[in-house]
């Protein structure tokens, strides 16, 4: 199975001219969940501003969206930006 996975990833890269990531579109679910997933992928791709914007959108849609709150707070904690709002 591992060799098949490697082969599929290599073919994906050749066909789409970009690396394969597990967390790629399509994003499905409630809008707040979608924004949270987009934020995670953006942070994974070193797009911090986009990630923060997505988590902010998720929190606007649902002020008690646990996953986006956790991801936002963990990001702030890991970067030492705990005092930022």
N, C-alpha and C. Protein backbone atom coordinates (compact mmCIF):
# COMPACT_ATOMS: atom_id res chain seq x y z
N UNK A 1 0.81 -1.20 0.00
CA UNK A 1 0.00 0.00 0.00
C UNK A 1 0.86 1.27 0.00
N UNK A 2 1.96 1.21 0.73
CA UNK A 2 2.82 2.38 0.80
C UNK A 2 3.39 2.74 -0.57
N UNK A 3 3.77 1.74 -1.34
CA UNK A 3 4.33 2.01 -2.67
C UNK A 3 3.26 2.56 -3.61
N UNK A 4 2.03 2.11 -3.45
CA UNK A 4 0.93 2.63 -4.27
C UNK A 4 0.68 4.10 -3.92
N UNK A 5 0.71 4.40 -2.63
CA UNK A 5 0.52 5.78 -2.18
C UNK A 5 1.59 6.67 -2.78
N UNK A 6 2.85 6.23 -2.72
CA UNK A 6 3.95 7.02 -3.28
C UNK A 6 3.75 7.26 -4.78
N UNK A 7 3.34 6.22 -5.48
CA UNK A 7 3.11 6.33 -6.92
C UNK A 7 1.99 7.32 -7.22
N UNK A 8 0.89 7.24 -6.48
CA UNK A 8 -0.23 8.17 -6.70
C UNK A 8 0.17 9.61 -6.40
N UNK A 9 0.94 9.82 -5.35
CA UNK A 9 1.39 11.17 -5.02
C UNK A 9 2.32 11.71 -6.10
N UNK A 10 3.20 10.88 -6.59
CA UNK A 10 4.11 11.30 -7.67
C UNK A 10 3.32 11.67 -8.93
N UNK A 11 2.32 10.87 -9.28
CA UNK A 11 1.50 11.15 -10.46
C UNK A 11 0.67 12.42 -10.27
N UNK A 12 0.16 12.61 -9.07
CA UNK A 12 -0.60 13.82 -8.76
C UNK A 12 0.29 15.05 -8.98
N UNK A 13 1.52 14.97 -8.48
CA UNK A 13 2.44 16.09 -8.61
C UNK A 13 2.76 16.39 -10.07
N UNK A 14 2.94 15.32 -10.87
CA UNK A 14 3.22 15.52 -12.29
C UNK A 14 2.03 16.15 -13.01
N UNK A 15 0.83 15.66 -12.72
CA UNK A 15 -0.37 16.11 -13.43
C UNK A 15 -0.76 17.53 -13.05
N UNK A 16 -0.77 17.84 -11.75
CA UNK A 16 -1.23 19.14 -11.30
C UNK A 16 -0.11 20.16 -11.10
N UNK A 17 1.15 19.75 -11.24
CA UNK A 17 2.32 20.60 -11.04
C UNK A 17 2.32 21.29 -9.68
N UNK A 18 1.90 20.55 -8.67
CA UNK A 18 1.98 21.04 -7.30
C UNK A 18 2.01 19.84 -6.36
N UNK A 19 2.59 20.04 -5.17
CA UNK A 19 2.68 18.91 -4.24
C UNK A 19 1.31 18.52 -3.68
N UNK A 20 1.20 17.30 -3.25
CA UNK A 20 -0.04 16.78 -2.68
C UNK A 20 -0.06 17.05 -1.18
N UNK A 21 -1.15 17.58 -0.71
CA UNK A 21 -1.35 17.77 0.72
C UNK A 21 -2.65 17.10 1.11
N UNK A 22 -2.67 16.49 2.27
CA UNK A 22 -3.90 15.84 2.75
C UNK A 22 -5.01 16.86 2.90
N UNK A 23 -4.67 18.02 3.43
CA UNK A 23 -5.69 19.03 3.70
C UNK A 23 -5.83 19.97 2.52
N UNK A 24 -6.59 19.58 1.55
CA UNK A 24 -6.86 20.44 0.41
C UNK A 24 -8.34 20.49 0.18
N UNK A 25 -8.76 21.42 -0.63
CA UNK A 25 -10.18 21.51 -0.96
C UNK A 25 -10.64 20.21 -1.58
N UNK A 26 -11.87 19.85 -1.55
CA UNK A 26 -12.99 20.68 -1.12
C UNK A 26 -13.17 20.68 0.39
N UNK A 27 -13.55 21.84 0.89
CA UNK A 27 -13.89 21.96 2.29
C UNK A 27 -15.40 21.76 2.40
N UNK A 28 -15.82 20.94 3.30
CA UNK A 28 -17.25 20.68 3.46
C UNK A 28 -17.64 20.86 4.91
N UNK A 29 -18.92 21.13 5.12
CA UNK A 29 -19.45 21.29 6.46
C UNK A 29 -20.10 22.64 6.63
N UNK A 30 -20.37 22.97 7.88
CA UNK A 30 -20.95 24.27 8.20
C UNK A 30 -19.94 25.35 7.86
N UNK A 31 -20.43 26.57 7.59
CA UNK A 31 -19.54 27.66 7.17
C UNK A 31 -18.42 27.92 8.16
N UNK A 32 -18.73 27.89 9.45
CA UNK A 32 -17.69 28.12 10.46
C UNK A 32 -16.64 27.02 10.39
N UNK A 33 -17.06 25.78 10.18
CA UNK A 33 -16.11 24.68 10.05
C UNK A 33 -15.24 24.84 8.81
N UNK A 34 -15.84 25.29 7.73
CA UNK A 34 -15.10 25.50 6.48
C UNK A 34 -14.03 26.57 6.67
N UNK A 35 -14.40 27.68 7.29
CA UNK A 35 -13.41 28.74 7.55
C UNK A 35 -12.30 28.24 8.46
N UNK A 36 -12.64 27.44 9.45
CA UNK A 36 -11.62 26.88 10.34
C UNK A 36 -10.65 26.00 9.56
N UNK A 37 -11.17 25.14 8.70
CA UNK A 37 -10.31 24.25 7.91
C UNK A 37 -9.44 25.06 6.96
N UNK A 38 -10.01 26.10 6.35
CA UNK A 38 -9.22 26.96 5.47
C UNK A 38 -8.10 27.64 6.25
N UNK A 39 -8.39 28.04 7.48
CA UNK A 39 -7.37 28.66 8.32
C UNK A 39 -6.22 27.72 8.63
N UNK A 40 -6.56 26.47 8.91
CA UNK A 40 -5.52 25.47 9.20
C UNK A 40 -4.63 25.26 7.99
N UNK A 41 -5.25 25.13 6.83
CA UNK A 41 -4.47 24.91 5.60
C UNK A 41 -3.63 26.14 5.28
N UNK A 42 -4.19 27.33 5.47
CA UNK A 42 -3.43 28.55 5.21
C UNK A 42 -2.21 28.63 6.12
N UNK A 43 -2.38 28.31 7.39
CA UNK A 43 -1.25 28.33 8.31
C UNK A 43 -0.22 27.28 7.92
N UNK A 44 -0.68 26.11 7.49
CA UNK A 44 0.21 25.05 7.03
C UNK A 44 1.04 25.52 5.84
N UNK A 45 0.44 26.37 5.00
CA UNK A 45 1.12 26.89 3.82
C UNK A 45 1.82 28.23 4.08
N UNK A 46 2.07 28.54 5.37
CA UNK A 46 2.78 29.75 5.79
C UNK A 46 2.08 31.04 5.38
N UNK A 47 0.76 31.04 5.39
CA UNK A 47 -0.03 32.24 5.10
C UNK A 47 -0.75 32.65 6.38
N UNK A 48 0.01 33.22 7.30
CA UNK A 48 -0.52 33.53 8.63
C UNK A 48 -1.68 34.51 8.58
N UNK A 49 -1.56 35.54 7.77
CA UNK A 49 -2.62 36.55 7.68
C UNK A 49 -3.93 35.95 7.21
N UNK A 50 -3.84 35.09 6.21
CA UNK A 50 -5.04 34.43 5.69
C UNK A 50 -5.65 33.51 6.75
N UNK A 51 -4.79 32.82 7.49
CA UNK A 51 -5.28 31.92 8.54
C UNK A 51 -6.03 32.71 9.60
N UNK A 52 -5.46 33.82 10.03
CA UNK A 52 -6.11 34.65 11.05
C UNK A 52 -7.44 35.20 10.55
N UNK A 53 -7.48 35.58 9.28
CA UNK A 53 -8.72 36.09 8.69
C UNK A 53 -9.79 35.00 8.67
N UNK A 54 -9.41 33.79 8.30
CA UNK A 54 -10.37 32.68 8.26
C UNK A 54 -10.90 32.35 9.65
N UNK A 55 -10.01 32.30 10.64
CA UNK A 55 -10.47 32.01 12.00
C UNK A 55 -11.36 33.13 12.53
N UNK A 56 -11.06 34.36 12.13
CA UNK A 56 -11.90 35.49 12.53
C UNK A 56 -13.30 35.35 11.92
N UNK A 57 -13.36 34.98 10.65
CA UNK A 57 -14.65 34.76 9.98
C UNK A 57 -15.44 33.65 10.67
N UNK A 58 -14.76 32.58 11.04
CA UNK A 58 -15.44 31.47 11.72
C UNK A 58 -16.00 31.93 13.06
N UNK A 59 -15.24 32.76 13.77
CA UNK A 59 -15.71 33.24 15.07
C UNK A 59 -16.83 34.25 14.92
N UNK A 60 -16.87 34.98 13.81
CA UNK A 60 -17.98 35.91 13.55
C UNK A 60 -19.26 35.11 13.27
N UNK A 61 -19.13 34.06 12.47
CA UNK A 61 -20.30 33.24 12.14
C UNK A 61 -20.85 32.52 13.37
N UNK A 62 -19.97 32.06 14.21
CA UNK A 62 -20.37 31.35 15.42
C UNK A 62 -19.42 31.73 16.54
N UNK A 63 -19.87 32.62 17.41
CA UNK A 63 -18.96 33.14 18.44
C UNK A 63 -18.49 32.08 19.43
N UNK A 64 -19.11 30.92 19.40
CA UNK A 64 -18.69 29.82 20.27
C UNK A 64 -18.16 28.63 19.48
N UNK A 65 -17.59 28.92 18.32
CA UNK A 65 -17.02 27.84 17.51
C UNK A 65 -15.72 27.38 18.16
N UNK A 66 -15.78 26.24 18.83
CA UNK A 66 -14.69 25.76 19.67
C UNK A 66 -13.39 25.55 18.89
N UNK A 67 -13.45 24.90 17.74
CA UNK A 67 -12.24 24.58 16.99
C UNK A 67 -11.50 25.83 16.52
N UNK A 68 -12.23 26.80 16.00
CA UNK A 68 -11.56 28.01 15.52
C UNK A 68 -11.01 28.82 16.70
N UNK A 69 -11.73 28.82 17.82
CA UNK A 69 -11.21 29.50 19.02
C UNK A 69 -9.90 28.85 19.47
N UNK A 70 -9.91 27.52 19.53
CA UNK A 70 -8.70 26.79 19.95
C UNK A 70 -7.54 27.03 19.00
N UNK A 71 -7.79 26.93 17.71
CA UNK A 71 -6.71 27.11 16.74
C UNK A 71 -6.15 28.53 16.80
N UNK A 72 -7.04 29.52 16.94
CA UNK A 72 -6.61 30.91 17.03
C UNK A 72 -5.76 31.12 18.29
N UNK A 73 -6.23 30.61 19.41
CA UNK A 73 -5.50 30.77 20.68
C UNK A 73 -4.18 29.99 20.68
N UNK A 74 -4.18 28.80 20.13
CA UNK A 74 -2.94 28.03 20.04
C UNK A 74 -1.92 28.73 19.15
N UNK A 75 -2.40 29.31 18.06
CA UNK A 75 -1.50 30.07 17.18
C UNK A 75 -0.89 31.24 17.95
N UNK A 76 -1.73 32.00 18.65
CA UNK A 76 -1.23 33.15 19.42
C UNK A 76 -0.24 32.70 20.48
N UNK A 77 -0.55 31.62 21.17
CA UNK A 77 0.34 31.12 22.21
C UNK A 77 1.67 30.67 21.62
N UNK A 78 1.63 29.93 20.50
CA UNK A 78 2.85 29.39 19.91
C UNK A 78 3.76 30.47 19.33
N UNK A 79 3.16 31.60 18.95
CA UNK A 79 3.96 32.69 18.39
C UNK A 79 4.32 33.75 19.43
N UNK A 80 3.84 33.56 20.66
CA UNK A 80 4.14 34.52 21.71
C UNK A 80 3.30 35.78 21.64
N UNK A 81 2.18 35.72 20.91
CA UNK A 81 1.30 36.89 20.75
C UNK A 81 0.06 36.76 21.62
N UNK A 82 0.26 36.38 22.86
CA UNK A 82 -0.85 36.12 23.76
C UNK A 82 -1.63 37.40 24.07
N UNK A 83 -0.98 38.52 24.13
CA UNK A 83 -1.66 39.77 24.47
C UNK A 83 -2.44 40.36 23.32
N UNK A 84 -2.20 39.90 22.07
CA UNK A 84 -2.94 40.41 20.91
C UNK A 84 -4.40 39.98 20.98
N UNK A 85 -5.28 40.82 20.48
CA UNK A 85 -6.71 40.46 20.49
C UNK A 85 -7.11 39.78 19.22
